Amino acid sequence: NTKDLFNREWDFNKSVLALRFRDVRKLLSKNDRFVPVIGGRKTGFFEKRQDLFNAGVYPGVEYRIKDIIFKQSIESDGTSLSNMDSILFIDGINQMPSNRSLSLVVRPAYPLIPQLERDWPVTISLDEIPYCLTR
């Protein structure tokens, strides 16, 4: 049965990917390169892909981080960080804040095809990116 074969292959691929890749969002710094990826979702893949496109980043494209912005509240302008470790020293926070309060200012690490070019850099909330991978 094709459906059973697909499900077994999917489960195998999920376990292999889980061993090889890990989300590096807590290790990111300014000028780092990373690749936003959607992951091995069975449902919602195309919707999440479109959400990332609408937010200004393309899954699978390598980006350079120009800035990391931490907002303590919606009203605040935000604080520029050099890396994610810096967040631990703002107002005595001892743990990573929610991804909603962290944004990345990014631009592609290399020129894109004309159809994908836009005004760079773009700012994207870290919670909009399912996984951040790097070399």
Protein backbone atom coordinates (compact mmCIF):
# COMPACT_ATOMS: atom_id res chain seq x y z
CA ASN A 1 0.00 0.00 0.00
CA THR A 2 1.49 3.32 -1.10
CA LYS A 3 0.12 5.25 1.87
CA ASP A 4 1.76 2.83 4.35
CA LEU A 5 5.04 3.04 2.46
CA PHE A 6 4.90 6.85 2.51
CA ASN A 7 4.19 6.88 6.25
CA ARG A 8 7.07 4.49 7.00
CA GLU A 9 9.44 6.52 4.81
CA TRP A 10 8.24 9.74 6.46
CA ASP A 11 8.87 8.33 9.96
CA PHE A 12 12.34 7.18 8.89
CA ASN A 13 13.17 10.59 7.39
CA LYS A 14 11.92 12.38 10.52
CA SER A 15 14.19 10.30 12.74
CA VAL A 16 17.19 10.77 10.43
CA LEU A 17 16.64 14.53 10.25
CA ALA A 18 16.28 14.73 14.01
CA LEU A 19 19.71 13.15 14.39
CA ARG A 20 21.49 15.35 11.85
CA PHE A 21 20.03 18.80 12.42
CA ARG A 22 19.30 20.89 15.44
CA ASP A 23 17.66 24.26 15.78
CA VAL A 24 20.39 26.83 16.48
CA ARG A 25 18.23 29.87 17.28
CA LYS A 26 19.65 30.13 20.83
CA LEU A 27 23.21 30.26 19.44
CA LEU A 28 22.75 32.97 16.81
CA SER A 29 24.84 36.16 16.71
CA LYS A 30 25.05 39.22 14.48
CA ASN A 31 26.70 38.41 11.14
CA ASP A 32 25.96 34.68 11.52
CA ARG A 33 24.51 32.84 8.58
CA PHE A 34 21.49 30.60 8.98
CA VAL A 35 18.86 28.89 6.87
CA PRO A 36 15.18 29.07 7.87
CA VAL A 37 13.48 25.72 7.29
CA ILE A 38 9.96 24.47 7.77
CA GLY A 39 10.83 20.97 8.91
CA GLY A 40 9.16 17.64 8.30
CA ARG A 41 5.54 18.66 8.68
CA LYS A 42 2.96 16.42 7.08
CA THR A 43 0.24 19.04 7.37
CA GLY A 44 0.46 22.76 6.94
CA PHE A 45 3.72 22.70 4.97
CA PHE A 46 2.52 24.90 2.11
CA GLU A 47 0.70 27.30 4.45
CA LYS A 48 3.84 27.75 6.59
CA ARG A 49 5.92 28.19 3.43
CA GLN A 50 3.59 30.96 2.29
CA ASP A 51 3.67 32.55 5.77
CA LEU A 52 7.47 32.74 5.57
CA PHE A 53 7.31 34.18 2.05
CA ASN A 54 4.83 36.81 3.28
CA ALA A 55 7.12 37.64 6.22
CA GLY A 56 9.98 38.25 3.81
CA VAL A 57 12.14 35.15 4.06
CA TYR A 58 12.34 32.09 1.85
CA PRO A 59 12.80 28.62 3.36
CA GLY A 60 16.07 27.05 2.26
CA VAL A 61 17.79 30.36 1.45
CA GLU A 62 20.85 31.27 3.50
CA TYR A 63 20.59 34.61 5.34
CA ARG A 64 23.07 36.82 7.17
CA ILE A 65 21.86 38.35 10.43
CA LYS A 66 22.30 42.12 10.41
CA ASP A 67 20.76 42.66 13.84
CA ILE A 68 18.96 40.87 16.68
CA ILE A 69 16.21 42.91 18.33
CA PHE A 70 14.77 42.17 21.77
CA LYS A 71 11.48 43.87 22.69
CA GLN A 72 10.43 43.73 26.32
CA SER A 73 6.92 44.89 25.36
CA ILE A 74 4.94 45.67 22.21
CA GLU A 75 5.35 49.38 22.86
CA SER A 76 9.15 49.28 23.29
CA ASP A 77 11.53 50.16 20.47
CA GLY A 78 13.66 47.17 21.24
CA THR A 79 17.27 46.61 22.23
CA SER A 80 19.90 45.60 19.71
CA LEU A 81 21.80 42.47 20.77
CA SER A 82 25.12 41.14 19.52
CA ASN A 83 24.11 37.53 20.22
CA MET A 84 21.48 35.48 22.00
CA ASP A 85 23.67 35.20 25.10
CA SER A 86 23.25 38.98 25.55
CA ILE A 87 19.59 38.44 26.40
CA LEU A 88 20.55 36.87 29.72
CA PHE A 89 21.98 40.16 30.93
CA ILE A 90 19.01 42.43 30.20
CA ASP A 91 17.05 43.18 33.37
CA GLY A 92 18.34 40.06 35.09
CA ILE A 93 16.45 37.63 32.87
CA ASN A 94 17.70 34.12 33.56
CA GLN A 95 16.06 32.31 30.70
CA MET A 96 15.39 32.81 27.01
CA PRO A 97 12.35 35.02 26.48
CA SER A 98 9.57 33.94 24.17
CA ASN A 99 10.43 34.01 20.48
CA ARG A 100 7.75 36.68 20.02
CA SER A 101 9.97 39.23 21.73
CA LEU A 102 12.96 38.44 19.50
CA SER A 103 13.32 39.55 15.89
CA LEU A 104 16.05 39.09 13.33
CA VAL A 105 16.99 41.70 10.75
CA VAL A 106 18.25 39.66 7.80
CA ARG A 107 19.31 39.79 4.19
CA PRO A 108 20.25 36.94 1.85
CA ALA A 109 23.86 35.81 2.07
CA TYR A 110 24.06 35.79 -1.75
CA PRO A 111 22.16 37.37 -4.67
CA LEU A 112 18.77 35.82 -5.41
CA ILE A 113 17.00 35.38 -8.72
CA PRO A 114 15.18 38.59 -9.73
CA GLN A 115 11.71 37.18 -8.87
CA LEU A 116 12.77 36.72 -5.23
CA GLU A 117 14.54 40.04 -4.74
CA ARG A 118 12.88 42.61 -2.47
CA ASP A 119 13.93 45.55 -0.35
CA TRP A 120 16.50 44.15 2.02
CA PRO A 121 17.00 43.81 4.91
CA VAL A 122 13.72 42.50 6.34
CA THR A 123 12.77 42.02 9.98
CA ILE A 124 11.14 38.76 10.99
CA SER A 125 9.98 37.61 14.40
CA LEU A 126 11.86 34.53 15.53
CA ASP A 127 8.58 32.74 16.30
CA GLU A 128 7.69 32.82 12.59
CA ILE A 129 10.66 30.60 11.72
CA PRO A 130 10.06 26.93 12.62
CA TYR A 131 13.78 25.97 12.59
CA CYS A 132 17.06 27.81 12.13
CA LEU A 133 19.89 25.69 10.74
CA THR A 134 23.52 26.56 10.14
CA ARG A 135 26.69 24.85 9.01
